[in-house]
Each structure stands twice: as structure tokens, then as C-alpha cells.
Amino acid sequence: MDYAVNPDDGTRIAFQVVGSGPPLLLVHGSLLTHAIWRTFGYVRALRPSRTLILLDMRGHGRSDKPHQVSAYRMESIVGDLVAVLDAAGVSSADYWGYSYGGRAGLTLAARAPERINSLVVGGGSHGPQRGAFDRLFFPGCADVLAEHGMGGFLDEWNNHRLFPVDAATRAVFSANDSDAMAAYFRASDLEPGLSDGDLEQFDMPSLFYVGSEDRTRLDDSRSAARLVPRAEFHLIDGFDHSTTPAASAEVLGVVQPFLERNVPSYFNPAN
């Protein structure tokens, strides 16, 4: 892994670059790492035609894990993304983010649109995030993380689920720093999001997708797609928020054609 440094606060962000072709920044969701893109086959499918920039968001994976709530403001997250692009020597890239990564991409598109050629958002939301993690997991989840660690969090989450947390999810979640995740959850709860007017100003080609059973993000994704000019909207039938990333064949079936249609002209000799 290489490291980019956010110049505003010195946080180090781990990233790696693989493949060849037009650059594509891939940004994972909460409690995960860049490895999720490999696990479900996205890297294998995309690397022959794309230079993939894979990163671990702050607080996750091999990136620095501050424990202060203030460290997880979206302004800092956007600074991390810009720092990674700079460290990779990329002036602008296509962007693909899921959930947390989608929210970050929407803010990057609003704050630094010159860094994004096209935008793909899966299961994302541009609205205020108060209560989002309590709805996704269980009420008071940040407090449980802070007081009882990831083991206590997983045990309590089990009590609110129809089915037990599977072993793979438990292993991935358990690798997280619980204090960092508690700070991130609390920062997210304070996030005001973007205005409808912000999204109406986007001028890059955009695609939004969401699982048809994703009750936490279905309305938000549809609303965002209506607001963004030149946006596409796709349902991934039969999947919810946590299972949509595993539906890689279905997701790639809508995202890859979009990316191919929107390759910047300077990468396409035919243009």
C-alpha cells in the first residue's frame, strides 16, 4: 500500500493503484475496506480496462484511525480523496462509491467537481444523516461501540436481526478500531448533507443504483437521481443495503456500460 497525507490534519490514507486505462477511484462503505472490491470481483472485472485507485477511508483498514469525532467531518473526507488523487498523480478520475463512499463522492462532486469525470453512487444519500446508523443497525449503536467494543456491538446487532451475523461479516467488522468507528458514527450523525440545489448543479454524467429491498436508501437514491442532470437510476432487484455489493454481476451489468459510454475523449482515440 502507498499513503497519501491530508495536508489539513496530517491523516494518512492508504491506497493502491492497479490496472491500466482511464482512472477510476473506488470508495468502499462503512466498516469495510478497499478489499471489498476484490472480494466480490469488481477489481478482476475492471482492471483490464481501467486504472483502479483503491483506498481505505480514514478510520478503516490500513489508514490512520483518529478517535476524535471532529476528525470525521465530511470536509476532511473530501480532503482525503483529493490527497489520494494527488498522490496517484491523477488530476481527475471517474468515481464509484458505495454507501459511505457514495456520500463522500456526492460531496466531492459538489466541492471539487473538476476532479470527477463521471460519478457512480450505489446506495447513497445526500441528505442529513442523523439517525442513519441507528436505523441501519440498532438504536444507540455508537454508544455500544464506545462502551463495549466491536464484540458488544455485534452481539447487540444480533439481537435486532432476523438472522445471525454471518462469520465473514463478523470477521470483517471485528478488524475495525471500535473507538474510531464510534467517533465516525457520531460525526455522521451530525452531517447536514447537501442541498437539493447542490445536486442540481452537477454537470458530470452520473449513475445511481440501489437494491430494490434497501429500505434505508431507496427513496434517497431515487430522489438524488431526479435532481442531478444527466443522471441514470437503476434498481438492483432483490437485494438490500448490505447484500447489493455482493450482487456484482447485476451491478457491473449497469455500471460498466455507463463507464464505457463516458470515457473522457482524451482516452478514446476514436473521438
Protein backbone atom coordinates (compact mmCIF):
# COMPACT_ATOMS: atom_id res chain seq x y z
CA MET A 1 0.00 0.00 0.00
CA ASP A 2 1.03 3.59 -0.63
CA TYR A 3 -0.02 6.52 1.56
CA ALA A 4 -1.43 9.95 0.82
CA VAL A 5 -1.39 12.62 3.52
CA ASN A 6 -4.27 15.02 4.04
CA PRO A 7 -2.45 18.37 4.35
CA ASP A 8 -5.14 19.83 6.61
CA ASP A 9 -4.65 17.43 9.54
CA GLY A 10 -1.85 15.04 8.59
CA THR A 11 -4.07 11.94 8.42
CA ARG A 12 -2.51 9.20 6.28
CA ILE A 13 -4.77 7.43 3.79
CA ALA A 14 -3.71 4.02 2.48
CA PHE A 15 -4.25 3.37 -1.22
CA GLN A 16 -3.04 1.26 -4.11
CA VAL A 17 -3.24 1.53 -7.88
CA VAL A 18 -3.82 -1.45 -10.18
CA GLY A 19 -4.77 -1.99 -13.80
CA SER A 20 -4.45 0.28 -16.84
CA GLY A 21 -6.63 2.74 -18.69
CA PRO A 22 -8.70 5.74 -17.59
CA PRO A 23 -8.52 6.21 -13.80
CA LEU A 24 -11.41 5.07 -11.62
CA LEU A 25 -11.50 5.83 -7.88
CA LEU A 26 -13.30 3.07 -5.93
CA VAL A 27 -14.52 4.01 -2.44
CA HIS A 28 -15.99 1.47 -0.01
CA GLY A 29 -18.77 1.68 2.58
CA SER A 30 -18.76 1.91 6.37
CA LEU A 31 -16.87 -0.69 8.45
CA LEU A 32 -15.27 -2.16 5.30
CA THR A 33 -12.01 -1.66 3.38
CA HIS A 34 -10.84 -1.49 -0.22
CA ALA A 35 -10.72 -5.32 -0.15
CA ILE A 36 -14.49 -5.46 -0.68
CA TRP A 37 -13.94 -4.52 -4.34
CA ARG A 38 -11.68 -7.55 -4.73
CA THR A 39 -13.84 -9.92 -2.71
CA PHE A 40 -16.85 -9.52 -4.98
CA GLY A 41 -14.94 -9.49 -8.28
CA TYR A 42 -15.06 -5.82 -9.23
CA VAL A 43 -11.28 -5.48 -9.48
CA ARG A 44 -10.99 -8.57 -11.65
CA ALA A 45 -13.69 -7.28 -13.99
CA LEU A 46 -12.46 -3.69 -14.23
CA ARG A 47 -8.67 -3.76 -14.13
CA PRO A 48 -8.15 -4.84 -17.77
CA SER A 49 -9.66 -1.56 -18.99
CA ARG A 50 -9.28 0.79 -16.01
CA THR A 51 -6.58 2.14 -13.73
CA LEU A 52 -8.21 1.44 -10.37
CA ILE A 53 -7.39 3.61 -7.36
CA LEU A 54 -8.41 1.65 -4.26
CA LEU A 55 -8.32 3.32 -0.85
CA ASP A 56 -9.16 2.68 2.78
CA MET A 57 -11.21 5.55 4.18
CA ARG A 58 -9.87 7.20 7.34
CA GLY A 59 -10.74 5.10 10.37
CA HIS A 60 -10.78 1.96 8.21
CA GLY A 61 -8.29 -0.66 7.06
CA ARG A 62 -4.68 0.50 6.92
CA SER A 63 -5.45 4.22 7.02
CA ASP A 64 -4.99 6.28 10.16
CA LYS A 65 -7.74 5.89 12.77
CA PRO A 66 -8.30 9.09 14.74
CA HIS A 67 -10.61 8.81 17.75
CA GLN A 68 -11.93 12.39 17.67
CA VAL A 69 -15.43 12.99 16.31
CA SER A 70 -14.21 16.18 14.63
CA ALA A 71 -11.76 14.13 12.50
CA TYR A 72 -14.62 12.58 10.54
CA ARG A 73 -16.26 15.72 9.19
CA MET A 74 -17.09 15.36 5.52
CA GLU A 75 -14.76 18.24 4.68
CA SER A 76 -11.88 16.09 5.95
CA ILE A 77 -13.10 13.07 3.99
CA VAL A 78 -13.17 15.13 0.79
CA GLY A 79 -9.65 16.30 1.60
CA ASP A 80 -8.58 12.67 1.88
CA LEU A 81 -9.99 11.86 -1.56
CA VAL A 82 -8.25 14.83 -3.15
CA ALA A 83 -4.99 13.87 -1.42
CA VAL A 84 -5.22 10.34 -2.82
CA LEU A 85 -5.83 11.62 -6.35
CA ASP A 86 -2.88 13.98 -5.99
CA ALA A 87 -0.61 11.24 -4.64
CA ALA A 88 -1.63 8.97 -7.52
CA GLY A 89 -0.77 11.76 -9.99
CA VAL A 90 -4.36 11.99 -11.26
CA SER A 91 -5.92 15.37 -11.98
CA SER A 92 -9.41 13.92 -12.48
CA ALA A 93 -10.99 10.47 -12.42
CA ASP A 94 -14.24 8.61 -12.69
CA TYR A 95 -15.64 7.99 -9.22
CA TRP A 96 -17.53 4.98 -7.88
CA GLY A 97 -18.59 4.83 -4.26
CA TYR A 98 -20.99 2.67 -2.27
CA SER A 99 -22.94 3.88 0.79
CA TYR A 100 -20.39 5.94 2.78
CA GLY A 101 -18.27 6.09 -0.35
CA GLY A 102 -21.28 7.32 -2.29
CA ARG A 103 -21.96 10.11 0.22
CA ALA A 104 -18.32 11.14 0.03
CA GLY A 105 -18.45 11.15 -3.76
CA LEU A 106 -21.51 13.38 -3.82
CA THR A 107 -19.74 15.88 -1.57
CA LEU A 108 -16.57 15.72 -3.67
CA ALA A 109 -18.69 16.39 -6.77
CA ALA A 110 -20.20 19.43 -5.06
CA ARG A 111 -16.96 20.82 -3.62
CA ALA A 112 -14.38 19.89 -6.28
CA PRO A 113 -16.27 18.97 -9.47
CA GLU A 114 -13.15 19.42 -11.58
CA ARG A 115 -11.72 16.23 -10.01
CA ILE A 116 -14.59 13.99 -11.22
CA ASN A 117 -15.22 12.98 -14.83
CA SER A 118 -18.25 10.81 -14.10
CA LEU A 119 -19.96 9.74 -10.90
CA VAL A 120 -21.39 6.38 -9.79
CA VAL A 121 -23.21 6.23 -6.45
CA GLY A 122 -24.52 2.99 -5.01
CA GLY A 123 -26.90 3.02 -2.02
CA GLY A 124 -26.02 6.62 -1.23
CA SER A 125 -27.75 9.60 0.30
CA HIS A 126 -27.20 13.33 0.03
CA GLY A 127 -29.50 14.23 2.93
CA PRO A 128 -28.87 14.74 6.66
CA GLN A 129 -27.56 11.59 8.32
CA ARG A 130 -28.97 11.95 11.83
CA GLY A 131 -30.15 8.54 12.99
CA ALA A 132 -28.94 6.73 9.87
CA PHE A 133 -26.73 4.24 11.72
CA ASP A 134 -29.36 3.69 14.41
CA ARG A 135 -31.78 2.72 11.63
CA LEU A 136 -29.23 0.58 9.82
CA PHE A 137 -28.02 -1.29 12.90
CA PHE A 138 -29.87 -0.53 16.16
CA PRO A 139 -30.63 2.49 18.39
CA GLY A 140 -27.63 3.70 20.37
CA CYS A 141 -25.12 1.75 18.28
CA ALA A 142 -22.36 4.38 18.64
CA ASP A 143 -22.64 4.23 22.43
CA VAL A 144 -22.42 0.44 22.39
CA LEU A 145 -19.31 0.62 20.19
CA ALA A 146 -17.64 3.09 22.54
CA GLU A 147 -18.57 1.29 25.75
CA HIS A 148 -18.48 -2.39 24.78
CA GLY A 149 -16.26 -2.57 21.71
CA MET A 150 -16.93 -4.32 18.44
CA GLY A 151 -17.81 -7.59 20.19
CA GLY A 152 -20.56 -5.88 22.15
CA PHE A 153 -21.75 -4.10 19.02
CA LEU A 154 -22.02 -7.37 17.08
CA ASP A 155 -23.82 -9.09 19.94
CA GLU A 156 -26.38 -6.29 20.20
CA TRP A 157 -26.82 -6.18 16.42
CA ASN A 158 -27.57 -9.89 16.53
CA ASN A 159 -30.41 -9.15 18.94
CA HIS A 160 -32.02 -6.84 16.38
CA ARG A 161 -31.70 -9.11 13.34
CA LEU A 162 -33.90 -11.85 11.94
CA PHE A 163 -30.77 -13.85 11.13
CA PRO A 164 -27.43 -14.02 12.98
CA VAL A 165 -24.46 -12.04 11.74
CA ASP A 166 -22.55 -14.37 9.42
CA ALA A 167 -18.97 -15.36 10.17
CA ALA A 168 -17.48 -13.39 7.27
CA THR A 169 -19.22 -10.15 8.29
CA ARG A 170 -18.25 -10.70 11.91
CA ALA A 171 -14.60 -11.15 10.91
CA VAL A 172 -14.54 -8.01 8.75
CA PHE A 173 -16.30 -5.85 11.35
CA SER A 174 -14.13 -7.20 14.19
CA ALA A 175 -10.98 -5.94 12.44
CA ASN A 176 -12.13 -2.34 12.99
CA ASP A 177 -10.98 0.00 15.73
CA SER A 178 -14.17 0.40 17.79
CA ASP A 179 -13.22 3.82 19.17
CA ALA A 180 -12.56 5.14 15.66
CA MET A 181 -15.85 3.71 14.42
CA ALA A 182 -17.77 5.21 17.35
CA ALA A 183 -16.28 8.62 16.51
CA TYR A 184 -17.15 8.15 12.83
CA PHE A 185 -20.74 7.12 13.65
CA ARG A 186 -21.19 10.20 15.84
CA ALA A 187 -19.70 12.50 13.22
CA SER A 188 -22.01 11.05 10.60
CA ASP A 189 -24.98 11.74 12.87
CA LEU A 190 -24.07 15.44 12.72
CA GLU A 191 -23.64 15.53 8.95
CA PRO A 192 -26.06 18.02 7.33
CA GLY A 193 -25.68 16.59 3.84
CA LEU A 194 -26.05 18.53 0.62
CA SER A 195 -28.93 20.67 -0.54
CA ASP A 196 -31.12 19.79 -3.49
CA GLY A 197 -29.63 22.86 -5.17
CA ASP A 198 -26.13 21.42 -4.82
CA LEU A 199 -27.15 18.32 -6.78
CA GLU A 200 -28.96 20.37 -9.41
CA GLN A 201 -25.61 22.00 -10.25
CA PHE A 202 -23.81 18.75 -11.09
CA ASP A 203 -22.65 18.66 -14.70
CA MET A 204 -20.84 15.32 -14.87
CA PRO A 205 -22.57 12.15 -16.17
CA SER A 206 -23.96 10.35 -13.12
CA LEU A 207 -25.45 6.96 -12.30
CA PHE A 208 -27.31 5.98 -9.13
CA TYR A 209 -28.14 2.39 -8.22
CA VAL A 210 -29.75 0.84 -5.16
CA GLY A 211 -31.13 -2.52 -4.09
CA SER A 212 -34.88 -2.84 -4.51
CA GLU A 213 -35.10 -4.01 -0.87
CA ASP A 214 -32.84 -1.28 0.52
CA ARG A 215 -35.38 0.50 2.71
CA THR A 216 -32.70 2.82 4.14
CA ARG A 217 -31.54 4.22 0.80
CA LEU A 218 -34.16 3.53 -1.87
CA ASP A 219 -36.02 6.84 -1.61
CA ASP A 220 -32.80 8.84 -1.16
CA SER A 221 -31.19 7.33 -4.24
CA ARG A 222 -34.25 7.88 -6.39
CA SER A 223 -34.55 11.48 -5.19
CA ALA A 224 -30.90 12.23 -5.91
CA ALA A 225 -31.15 10.80 -9.42
CA ARG A 226 -34.12 13.07 -10.13
CA LEU A 227 -32.19 16.13 -9.01
CA VAL A 228 -28.92 15.51 -10.85
CA PRO A 229 -28.95 16.50 -14.54
CA ARG A 230 -27.90 13.73 -16.95
CA ALA A 231 -28.36 11.07 -14.24
CA GLU A 232 -29.38 7.44 -14.67
CA PHE A 233 -31.18 5.43 -11.99
CA HIS A 234 -31.11 1.63 -11.68
CA LEU A 235 -32.71 -0.82 -9.26
CA ILE A 236 -30.77 -3.96 -8.35
CA ASP A 237 -33.71 -6.28 -7.94
CA GLY A 238 -33.99 -8.45 -4.83
CA PHE A 239 -31.10 -7.01 -2.81
CA ASP A 240 -30.93 -4.79 0.28
CA HIS A 241 -28.28 -2.35 1.51
CA SER A 242 -25.87 -4.96 2.85
CA THR A 243 -26.27 -7.51 0.04
CA THR A 244 -26.19 -5.25 -3.02
CA PRO A 245 -22.35 -5.10 -3.14
CA ALA A 246 -22.31 -8.90 -3.41
CA ALA A 247 -24.58 -8.69 -6.49
CA SER A 248 -21.55 -7.83 -8.60
CA ALA A 249 -22.82 -9.36 -11.84
CA GLU A 250 -26.02 -7.32 -11.65
CA VAL A 251 -24.24 -4.14 -10.56
CA LEU A 252 -21.50 -4.41 -13.18
CA GLY A 253 -24.21 -5.03 -15.76
CA VAL A 254 -25.44 -1.46 -15.32
CA VAL A 255 -22.22 0.33 -14.28
CA GLN A 256 -19.75 -0.97 -16.87
CA PRO A 257 -21.77 0.20 -19.91
CA PHE A 258 -22.15 3.60 -18.25
CA LEU A 259 -18.40 3.88 -17.69
CA GLU A 260 -17.68 2.80 -21.25
CA ARG A 261 -20.06 5.42 -22.65
CA ASN A 262 -18.41 8.16 -20.62
CA VAL A 263 -14.71 7.58 -21.18
CA PRO A 264 -13.06 11.05 -21.46
CA SER A 265 -12.30 11.88 -25.09
CA TYR A 266 -8.55 12.13 -24.46
CA PHE A 267 -8.56 8.39 -23.61
CA ASN A 268 -10.53 7.47 -26.72
CA PRO A 269 -8.60 7.88 -30.00
CA ALA A 270 -11.84 7.37 -31.94
CA ASN A 271 -13.02 10.75 -30.62
